[in-house]
Protein backbone atom coordinates (compact mmCIF):
# COMPACT_ATOMS: atom_id res chain seq x y z
CA MET A 1 -5.48 2.99 -30.54
CA SER A 2 -3.96 1.91 -33.82
CA ALA A 3 -0.64 3.12 -35.14
CA SER A 4 -1.83 2.72 -38.76
CA ASN A 5 -3.97 5.88 -38.68
CA GLY A 6 -1.00 8.05 -37.79
CA GLU A 7 -1.79 8.22 -34.09
CA LYS A 8 0.65 7.01 -31.50
CA LYS A 9 -0.01 3.47 -30.29
CA GLN A 10 -0.86 3.22 -26.61
CA ILE A 11 1.58 1.22 -24.52
CA ARG A 12 -0.33 -1.19 -22.30
CA VAL A 13 1.44 -2.36 -19.14
CA TRP A 14 0.65 -5.48 -17.11
CA CYS A 15 1.28 -5.91 -13.38
CA ASP A 16 0.08 -8.69 -11.13
CA GLY A 17 0.34 -9.81 -7.53
CA CYS A 18 -1.43 -10.67 -4.30
CA TYR A 19 -1.83 -7.03 -3.19
CA ASP A 20 -2.61 -8.18 0.33
CA MET A 21 -2.97 -5.36 2.86
CA VAL A 22 -2.42 -2.86 0.03
CA HIS A 23 0.14 -0.31 1.19
CA PHE A 24 2.17 2.53 -0.29
CA GLY A 25 4.85 0.05 -1.42
CA HIS A 26 2.33 -1.60 -3.75
CA ALA A 27 1.08 1.81 -4.86
CA ASN A 28 4.62 3.05 -5.60
CA SER A 29 5.33 -0.01 -7.71
CA LEU A 30 2.14 0.59 -9.71
CA ARG A 31 2.98 4.29 -10.04
CA GLN A 32 6.36 3.40 -11.56
CA ALA A 33 4.75 0.80 -13.84
CA LYS A 34 2.19 3.31 -15.14
CA ALA A 35 5.02 5.74 -15.93
CA LEU A 36 6.41 3.16 -18.38
CA GLY A 37 3.28 3.23 -20.53
CA ASP A 38 -0.17 4.69 -21.08
CA VAL A 39 -2.60 2.11 -19.69
CA LEU A 40 -2.03 0.00 -16.58
CA ILE A 41 -3.76 -3.37 -16.23
CA VAL A 42 -3.38 -5.07 -12.84
CA GLY A 43 -4.04 -8.77 -12.25
CA VAL A 44 -4.93 -9.85 -8.71
CA HIS A 45 -4.57 -13.45 -7.54
CA THR A 46 -7.35 -15.43 -5.82
CA ASP A 47 -7.28 -16.47 -2.16
CA GLU A 48 -6.83 -20.08 -3.26
CA GLU A 49 -3.76 -19.35 -5.39
CA ILE A 50 -2.13 -17.24 -2.65
CA ALA A 51 -2.77 -19.89 0.03
CA LYS A 52 -1.20 -22.52 -2.22
CA HIS A 53 1.96 -20.61 -3.08
CA LYS A 54 2.49 -18.18 -0.24
CA GLY A 55 0.23 -18.80 2.74
CA PRO A 56 -3.09 -17.35 3.93
CA PRO A 57 -3.86 -13.78 2.78
CA VAL A 58 -5.04 -11.25 5.37
CA PHE A 59 -7.69 -9.74 3.12
CA THR A 60 -10.21 -11.66 1.02
CA GLN A 61 -9.95 -11.54 -2.76
CA GLU A 62 -13.04 -9.30 -2.99
CA GLU A 63 -11.45 -6.84 -0.55
CA ARG A 64 -8.17 -6.94 -2.48
CA TYR A 65 -9.87 -6.39 -5.84
CA LYS A 66 -11.64 -3.33 -4.43
CA MET A 67 -8.46 -1.87 -2.91
CA VAL A 68 -6.43 -2.15 -6.11
CA LYS A 69 -9.25 -0.60 -8.18
CA ALA A 70 -9.04 2.47 -5.92
CA ILE A 71 -5.33 3.13 -6.54
CA LYS A 72 -5.21 6.20 -8.77
CA TRP A 73 -2.70 4.89 -11.29
CA VAL A 74 -4.70 1.72 -12.07
CA ASP A 75 -6.86 1.70 -15.21
CA GLN A 76 -8.24 -1.85 -15.06
CA VAL A 77 -8.20 -4.78 -12.63
CA VAL A 78 -8.25 -8.41 -13.77
CA GLU A 79 -9.72 -10.61 -11.07
CA GLY A 80 -8.30 -14.10 -10.54
CA ALA A 81 -5.10 -13.59 -12.52
CA PRO A 82 -2.82 -16.68 -12.74
CA TYR A 83 0.03 -16.86 -10.23
CA VAL A 84 2.59 -17.52 -12.98
CA THR A 85 2.49 -14.74 -15.57
CA THR A 86 2.13 -16.16 -19.08
CA LEU A 87 2.50 -14.72 -22.57
CA GLU A 88 -1.12 -15.77 -23.19
CA THR A 89 -2.22 -13.45 -20.37
CA LEU A 90 -0.27 -10.52 -21.78
CA ASP A 91 -1.71 -11.15 -25.26
CA LYS A 92 -5.27 -11.57 -23.96
CA TYR A 93 -5.19 -8.07 -22.46
CA GLN A 94 -3.08 -6.65 -25.31
CA CYS A 95 -0.24 -5.75 -22.95
CA ASP A 96 3.19 -4.98 -24.38
CA PHE A 97 5.12 -6.13 -21.31
CA CYS A 98 4.91 -7.06 -17.64
CA VAL A 99 6.36 -4.98 -14.80
CA HIS A 100 7.42 -6.14 -11.34
CA GLY A 101 9.63 -4.93 -8.51
CA ASP A 102 13.27 -5.95 -8.17
CA ASP A 103 12.45 -8.62 -5.57
CA ILE A 104 11.96 -12.33 -6.17
CA THR A 105 8.54 -13.99 -6.41
CA VAL A 106 8.44 -17.78 -6.56
CA THR A 107 5.78 -20.49 -6.69
CA ALA A 108 5.31 -23.21 -4.07
CA ASP A 109 7.85 -25.23 -6.11
CA GLY A 110 10.42 -22.42 -6.02
CA ILE A 111 9.96 -21.40 -9.67
CA ASP A 112 10.27 -17.74 -10.67
CA THR A 113 6.70 -16.63 -11.43
CA TYR A 114 7.98 -14.34 -14.21
CA HIS A 115 10.33 -16.75 -15.99
CA LEU A 116 8.11 -17.05 -19.09
CA VAL A 117 7.82 -13.31 -19.76
CA LYS A 118 11.48 -12.76 -18.88
CA ASN A 119 12.58 -15.37 -21.44
CA ALA A 120 10.38 -13.72 -24.07
CA GLY A 121 11.87 -10.28 -23.42
CA ARG A 122 8.53 -8.88 -22.25
CA TYR A 123 9.52 -8.05 -18.68
CA ARG A 124 10.53 -4.74 -17.10
CA GLU A 125 11.69 -4.10 -13.56
CA VAL A 126 11.06 -1.20 -11.18
CA GLN A 127 12.63 -0.46 -7.83
CA ARG A 128 11.00 -2.02 -4.81
CA THR A 129 10.02 0.45 -2.07
CA ALA A 130 12.43 -0.16 0.80
CA GLY A 131 11.12 -0.27 4.34
CA VAL A 132 7.66 -1.72 3.88
CA SER A 133 6.05 -5.05 3.01
CA THR A 134 2.93 -6.94 4.00
CA THR A 135 5.19 -9.31 5.90
CA ASP A 136 6.65 -6.41 7.87
CA LEU A 137 3.23 -4.96 8.71
CA VAL A 138 2.03 -8.37 9.94
CA GLY A 139 5.13 -8.50 12.12
CA ARG A 140 4.40 -5.07 13.65
CA MET A 141 0.91 -6.24 14.63
CA LEU A 142 2.08 -9.53 16.13
CA LEU A 143 4.94 -7.98 18.06
CA LEU A 144 2.89 -5.10 19.45
CA THR A 145 5.96 -2.85 19.54
CA ARG A 146 6.10 0.92 19.11
CA GLU A 147 9.37 0.97 17.20
CA HIS A 148 7.71 2.27 14.05
CA PHE A 149 6.77 5.66 15.47
CA LYS A 150 9.76 6.65 17.55
CA ARG A 151 10.57 10.32 17.68
CA GLY A 152 13.72 12.43 17.64
CA ASP A 153 16.86 10.84 16.24
CA LYS A 154 15.07 7.52 15.74
CA GLU A 155 11.99 8.95 14.03
CA TYR A 156 12.61 7.14 10.75
CA TYR A 157 13.93 3.92 12.24
CA VAL A 158 11.33 1.23 11.60
CA ALA A 159 13.27 -1.98 12.18
CA LEU A 160 11.68 -4.24 14.77
CA GLU A 161 12.99 -6.08 17.81
CA HIS A 162 12.94 -9.78 18.70
CA SER A 163 11.34 -10.98 15.47
CA SER A 164 13.64 -13.77 14.36
CA ASN A 165 10.65 -16.11 14.09
CA LEU A 166 8.87 -13.64 11.81
CA GLY A 167 11.75 -12.61 9.56
CA THR A 168 10.69 -8.99 9.64
CA ASP A 169 13.59 -7.07 11.13
CA ARG A 170 17.11 -6.18 10.01
CA THR A 171 18.36 -9.64 11.12
CA ALA A 172 16.09 -11.35 8.57
CA ARG A 173 18.24 -13.28 6.13
CA SER A 174 16.18 -12.63 3.02
CA PRO A 175 16.79 -9.23 1.39
CA TYR A 176 13.11 -9.05 0.38
CA THR A 177 11.21 -10.27 3.44
CA GLY A 178 13.48 -8.33 5.80
CA CYS A 179 12.44 -4.82 6.70
CA SER A 180 14.86 -2.07 5.80
CA GLN A 181 14.69 1.61 6.62
CA PHE A 182 11.96 3.74 5.01
CA LEU A 183 13.19 7.26 4.42
CA PRO A 184 10.40 9.70 3.51
CA THR A 185 11.27 12.53 1.14
CA THR A 186 9.44 15.53 -0.30
CA GLN A 187 10.04 14.01 -3.74
CA LYS A 188 8.10 10.88 -2.78
CA ILE A 189 5.18 12.97 -1.56
CA ILE A 190 5.24 15.00 -4.79
CA GLN A 191 5.19 11.78 -6.82
CA PHE A 192 2.08 10.60 -4.96
CA SER A 193 0.31 13.96 -4.81
CA SER A 194 -2.26 14.99 -7.39
CA GLY A 195 -0.77 18.50 -7.39
CA LEU A 196 -4.28 19.90 -7.78
CA SER A 197 -5.88 22.83 -5.99
CA PRO A 198 -9.63 23.24 -5.59
CA LYS A 199 -11.32 25.35 -8.25
CA PRO A 200 -13.27 28.39 -6.99
CA THR A 201 -16.50 26.51 -7.74
CA ASP A 202 -15.44 23.28 -5.97
CA LYS A 203 -17.19 22.19 -2.79
CA VAL A 204 -14.37 21.26 -0.41
CA VAL A 205 -14.89 18.31 1.95
CA TYR A 206 -12.66 17.69 4.97
CA VAL A 207 -12.26 14.42 6.87
CA ALA A 208 -9.70 13.53 9.52
CA GLY A 209 -8.39 10.49 11.34
CA ALA A 210 -5.57 7.99 11.64
CA PHE A 211 -6.27 6.04 8.44
CA ASP A 212 -3.97 3.36 9.80
CA LEU A 213 -3.37 0.22 7.70
CA PHE A 214 -5.46 1.78 4.93
CA HIS A 215 -8.25 -0.73 4.25
CA VAL A 216 -11.64 -1.18 2.54
CA GLY A 217 -13.45 0.43 5.49
CA HIS A 218 -11.44 3.61 4.91
CA LEU A 219 -12.00 3.28 1.17
CA ASP A 220 -15.79 3.04 1.40
CA PHE A 221 -15.86 5.99 3.81
CA LEU A 222 -13.79 8.16 1.44
CA ALA A 223 -15.99 7.13 -1.50
CA ALA A 224 -19.04 8.26 0.51
CA ALA A 225 -17.26 11.51 1.48
CA ARG A 226 -16.47 12.12 -2.20
CA GLU A 227 -20.21 12.16 -2.89
CA GLN A 228 -20.54 15.15 -0.52
CA GLY A 229 -18.42 17.45 -2.66
CA ASP A 230 -15.78 17.93 -5.34
CA PHE A 231 -12.43 18.18 -3.55
CA ILE A 232 -11.51 15.85 -0.68
CA ILE A 233 -8.92 16.86 1.92
CA VAL A 234 -7.81 14.28 4.48
CA GLY A 235 -6.32 15.44 7.78
CA LEU A 236 -3.90 12.87 9.21
CA HIS A 237 -3.19 12.95 12.94
CA THR A 238 0.36 12.56 14.27
CA ASP A 239 1.54 9.21 15.64
CA LEU A 240 1.50 10.50 19.20
CA GLU A 241 -2.02 11.88 18.80
CA VAL A 242 -3.29 8.58 17.38
CA ASN A 243 -1.59 6.70 20.19
CA ARG A 244 -3.28 9.01 22.72
CA TYR A 245 -6.80 8.13 21.60
CA LYS A 246 -6.24 4.55 20.41
CA GLY A 247 -3.59 3.32 22.86
CA SER A 248 -1.64 0.03 22.63
CA ASN A 249 0.90 0.15 19.77
CA TYR A 250 -1.28 2.18 17.41
CA PRO A 251 -0.75 3.47 14.83
CA ILE A 252 0.73 0.39 13.13
CA MET A 253 1.98 2.60 10.28
CA ASN A 254 3.78 5.82 11.09
CA LEU A 255 2.65 9.21 9.82
CA HIS A 256 4.94 9.25 6.78
CA GLU A 257 3.67 5.84 5.67
CA ARG A 258 0.03 6.79 6.25
CA VAL A 259 0.42 9.97 4.17
CA LEU A 260 1.52 8.02 1.10
CA SER A 261 -1.12 5.30 1.61
CA VAL A 262 -3.91 7.90 1.66
CA LEU A 263 -2.47 9.96 -1.24
CA ALA A 264 -2.53 6.83 -3.42
CA CYS A 265 -6.34 6.67 -3.15
CA LYS A 266 -8.16 8.02 -6.18
CA TYR A 267 -10.80 9.77 -4.05
CA VAL A 268 -8.26 11.94 -2.20
CA HIS A 269 -7.01 15.28 -3.56
CA GLU A 270 -4.94 16.63 -0.67
CA VAL A 271 -3.59 15.60 2.74
CA VAL A 272 -2.92 17.75 5.80
CA ILE A 273 0.11 16.17 7.49
CA GLY A 274 -0.14 16.23 11.27
CA ALA A 275 -3.61 17.81 11.32
CA PRO A 276 -4.93 19.16 14.64
CA TYR A 277 -7.26 16.72 16.40
CA SER A 278 -9.91 19.40 16.87
CA VAL A 279 -11.11 20.90 13.58
CA THR A 280 -10.41 24.61 13.97
CA ALA A 281 -11.94 27.68 12.36
CA GLU A 282 -8.48 28.57 11.02
CA LEU A 283 -8.17 25.23 9.25
CA MET A 284 -11.65 25.46 7.75
CA ASP A 285 -11.13 29.02 6.55
CA HIS A 286 -7.66 28.35 5.15
CA PHE A 287 -8.83 25.41 3.02
CA ARG A 288 -12.30 26.91 2.36
CA VAL A 289 -13.92 23.78 3.83
CA GLN A 290 -17.67 23.65 3.33
CA VAL A 291 -18.41 20.16 4.68
CA VAL A 292 -16.72 18.22 7.49
CA CYS A 293 -17.48 14.48 7.58
CA HIS A 294 -16.95 11.69 10.10
CA GLY A 295 -17.77 8.00 9.98
CA ASP A 296 -20.47 6.35 12.04
CA THR A 297 -18.03 5.55 14.87
CA ALA A 298 -17.38 6.90 18.37
CA ILE A 299 -15.58 10.26 18.53
CA ALA A 300 -12.99 10.62 21.31
CA ARG A 301 -12.56 13.94 23.10
CA ASP A 302 -9.47 16.06 22.55
CA ALA A 303 -6.65 15.93 25.11
CA ASP A 304 -8.14 18.95 26.92
CA GLY A 305 -11.61 17.40 26.97
CA ALA A 306 -12.92 19.56 24.12
CA GLU A 307 -15.37 18.30 21.51
CA PRO A 308 -13.21 18.02 18.34
CA TYR A 309 -16.02 18.88 15.90
CA ALA A 310 -17.54 21.78 17.83
CA VAL A 311 -16.61 24.39 15.18
CA PRO A 312 -18.08 22.62 12.11
CA LYS A 313 -21.16 21.69 14.17
CA LYS A 314 -21.64 25.34 15.12
CA ARG A 315 -21.32 26.30 11.44
CA GLY A 316 -23.91 23.67 10.51
CA CYS A 317 -21.62 21.82 8.10
CA PHE A 318 -20.84 18.62 10.05
CA LYS A 319 -22.09 15.32 8.64
CA ILE A 320 -22.00 11.75 9.92
CA ILE A 321 -21.52 9.39 6.98
CA LYS A 322 -22.71 5.80 6.94
CA SER A 323 -20.59 4.01 4.34
CA GLY A 324 -22.14 0.60 4.91
CA ASN A 325 -18.75 -0.84 5.87
CA SER A 326 -17.98 -1.33 9.56
CA MET A 327 -14.40 -2.61 9.14
CA THR A 328 -11.82 -1.00 11.45
CA THR A 329 -8.05 -1.23 11.80
CA GLU A 330 -8.65 -3.17 15.03
CA ASP A 331 -10.56 -5.79 13.00
CA ILE A 332 -7.50 -6.28 10.77
CA VAL A 333 -5.23 -6.67 13.78
CA GLN A 334 -7.60 -9.24 15.26
CA ARG A 335 -7.54 -11.24 12.01
CA ILE A 336 -3.76 -11.39 12.29
CA ILE A 337 -3.59 -12.22 16.00
CA SER A 338 -6.23 -14.94 15.76
CA HIS A 339 -4.18 -16.64 13.03
CA ARG A 340 -0.77 -15.84 14.52
CA LEU A 341 0.82 -19.26 14.03
CA GLU A 342 -0.34 -19.43 10.41
CA PHE A 343 1.19 -16.04 9.63
CA GLU A 344 4.43 -16.83 11.44
CA MET A 345 4.72 -20.02 9.36
CA ARG A 346 3.87 -18.07 6.21
CA ASN A 347 6.60 -15.52 6.86
CA THR A 348 9.17 -18.22 7.63
CA ARG A 349 8.28 -20.20 4.48
CA LYS A 350 8.43 -17.06 2.36
CA GLU A 351 11.86 -16.18 3.71
CA HIS A 352 13.22 -19.71 3.09
CA LYS A 353 11.95 -19.70 -0.51
CA GLU A 354 13.48 -16.30 -1.17
CA ILE A 355 16.83 -17.37 0.27
CA ALA A 356 16.80 -20.48 -1.93
CA ALA A 357 15.99 -18.38 -4.98
CA VAL A 358 18.78 -15.91 -4.19
CA LYS A 359 21.29 -18.77 -3.81
CA ALA A 360 20.15 -20.28 -7.12
CA ILE A 361 20.68 -16.94 -8.90
CA GLN A 362 24.11 -16.52 -7.29
CA SER A 363 25.06 -20.06 -8.29
CA GLU A 364 23.96 -19.43 -11.89
CA HIS A 365 26.01 -16.22 -12.02
CA LEU A 366 29.08 -18.08 -10.73
CA LYS A 367 28.64 -20.77 -13.41
CA GLN A 368 28.32 -18.14 -16.13
CA ASN A 369 31.39 -16.26 -14.87
CA GLY A 370 33.32 -19.53 -14.67
CA THR A 371 32.40 -20.38 -18.27
CA CYS A 372 33.49 -16.93 -19.46
CA LEU A 373 36.81 -17.22 -17.65
CA HIS A 374 37.40 -20.70 -19.07
CA GLN A 375 36.68 -19.48 -22.63
CA GLU A 376 39.02 -16.50 -22.20
CA SER A 377 41.85 -18.70 -20.97
């Protein structure tokens, strides 16, 4: 859109990153970036670039491209974006400036990946989402703890135990790799929510599950569910309910985190927080649900032995959807566990690089302050 014809020029914003194991922290960063302009272009790095600078990614580049395209604030995805953001990249996609979180990203050589756009004055910063990172999620899987879904007075306490070799708990020395406390608020949910209600003519589709570590398997299922109607409602089970039918340390992400991860998906219109495991007539009537869908996976019985989809089956509106993607959360966990040593080394290297970068910045600030004091005296 040109400014010469009297119309307001669109502000085009550039973001880039690995976007590995895309979570609500990534989505929140992109939400904030989109709010700074009109069009959001997101560059995603290749597997090769990430392995060189950071360590092995959990998801393949094709999976990561697909996940970022599904975040509702993203207008365009650039595949294979360079690891160091250049002015040439911004100009190529007609972007006014680049946006990144207030954490430090460095190359394998310890160089700030945004130094070129910062020096040119084409860099903006948004607040990093405290309490979540890919590094932290990897740590939760490797440690197999249940700290992340404690109840009562520790419900929101997500720091982990005995993870000094992973750098994922409060004792981690890097302020960016270390996991801090995630405090969910109604404001955060409002920011992620579409705020839409189904129109009287909309066909409402309901799906339910854990949607833990939101991944491409979930994404393809929701895309297929979207084809069944106009308004998609996702029922998310509580942590204790998920743990009942999945066992071990599942869910890896607690309910508050899973709510935001699902709300960030462009196919989802509404989320029922702490939905009943069995789909009830009351729930269907309240939300005017016309179709209830489930993936082509085994369905566990309810705690009392009841069939959880008995009501929609009786009403003749239950559908099994085959999305063509068989990925499960367990598959992701197995990827991590089978490469445990690689990921532990990756997390340690990342922490060391961040610490070095922080010290370099502190040293530079001290030099500048010393120069100012010397000039004043």
